[in-house]
Protein backbone atom coordinates (compact mmCIF):
# COMPACT_ATOMS: atom_id res chain seq x y z
CA MET A 1 114.84 -60.42 78.74
CA LEU A 2 115.37 -62.89 81.28
CA SER A 3 113.08 -62.11 85.08
CA VAL A 4 112.70 -63.46 87.74
CA SER A 5 109.21 -66.16 88.42
CA SER A 6 110.08 -66.93 92.18
CA VAL A 7 112.11 -66.01 95.31
CA ALA A 8 113.00 -67.94 98.63
CA THR A 9 115.07 -66.33 101.12
CA ASP A 10 117.30 -68.65 103.40
CA SER A 11 117.93 -67.25 107.37
CA ASP A 12 121.83 -66.92 106.05
CA PHE A 13 120.98 -64.29 103.58
CA HIS A 14 120.76 -66.37 100.39
CA LEU A 15 117.84 -66.24 97.86
CA THR A 16 116.62 -69.34 96.41
CA LEU A 17 115.07 -67.79 92.56
CA ILE A 18 113.58 -69.37 89.53
CA PHE A 19 113.86 -67.64 86.45
CA SER A 20 111.80 -67.21 83.46
CA ASN A 21 113.94 -69.39 81.73
CA GLY A 22 113.21 -72.40 84.42
CA GLU A 23 116.67 -72.04 85.85
CA GLN A 24 116.69 -72.30 89.53
CA ARG A 25 120.11 -70.50 90.90
CA ARG A 26 120.85 -69.90 94.53
CA PHE A 27 122.01 -65.80 94.89
CA ASP A 28 124.32 -64.84 98.40
CA MET A 29 123.16 -61.74 99.49
CA ARG A 30 125.67 -60.94 102.21
CA SER A 31 128.34 -59.15 100.10
CA TYR A 32 125.45 -56.67 99.17
CA LEU A 33 124.59 -55.99 102.55
CA HIS A 34 127.30 -53.22 103.57
CA LEU A 35 125.74 -51.24 100.81
CA PRO A 36 123.44 -48.21 101.96
CA VAL A 37 120.46 -49.65 99.79
CA TYR A 38 120.92 -52.62 101.35
CA ARG A 39 121.43 -51.93 104.93
CA PRO A 40 117.68 -52.65 105.89
CA LEU A 41 118.76 -56.41 104.92
CA ASN A 42 120.61 -57.12 107.85
CA GLN A 43 117.41 -57.65 109.89
CA PRO A 44 116.85 -61.50 108.90
CA GLY A 45 112.75 -60.47 109.41
CA TYR A 46 112.96 -57.38 106.56
CA PHE A 47 114.95 -59.76 104.78
CA ALA A 48 112.69 -62.51 104.50
CA LEU A 49 110.13 -59.58 103.44
CA ALA A 50 111.38 -60.24 99.71
CA LYS A 51 108.72 -60.52 96.77
CA VAL A 52 108.87 -60.86 92.67
CA ASP A 53 107.52 -57.66 91.19
CA TYR A 54 108.26 -56.36 87.69
CA GLY A 55 110.93 -59.70 87.29
CA THR A 56 113.08 -59.29 89.52
CA VAL A 57 113.19 -59.12 93.72
CA VAL A 58 112.23 -56.38 95.68
CA TRP A 59 111.87 -55.59 99.25
CA PRO A 60 109.47 -52.94 101.21
CA GLY A 61 111.20 -49.24 101.19
CA GLU A 62 111.57 -49.14 97.41
CA ILE A 63 114.62 -51.88 97.59
CA ASP A 64 115.20 -53.79 94.38
CA ILE A 65 118.39 -55.68 92.67
CA ALA A 66 118.38 -55.83 88.95
CA PRO A 67 117.00 -59.22 87.78
CA GLU A 68 120.40 -59.73 85.64
CA THR A 69 122.77 -59.19 88.78
CA LEU A 70 120.87 -61.73 90.38
CA PHE A 71 121.38 -64.35 87.45
CA ASP A 72 125.00 -63.19 86.67
CA HIS A 73 126.17 -63.30 90.15
CA SER A 74 124.10 -66.76 91.54
CA VAL A 75 124.98 -70.36 90.89
CA PRO A 76 122.72 -72.78 89.28
CA ILE A 77 121.64 -75.65 91.64
CA GLY A 78 118.63 -76.67 88.88
CA ARG A 79 116.13 -76.63 86.47
CA VAL A 80 112.06 -76.41 86.49
CA ALA A 81 110.00 -78.15 84.66
CA GLN A 82 108.43 -75.57 82.21
CA PRO A 83 104.40 -75.97 81.56
């Protein structure tokens, strides 16, 4: 199963992700921010609290998003060397 290894947030509500297969991808969160569960993320400071836990991206308040969604709806931007 594919999982998220690393996440970085951008001020334009995008996530830069590295997945367990070494693929680096960019995910646009803006189309999700209208959904009730993700509304707190409209605040840039709160959005920036994203971290990786249990193989996916999470925020305080038990907010998360499936790694499959992140992978399937993101665009590739490169690969990271595997050890």
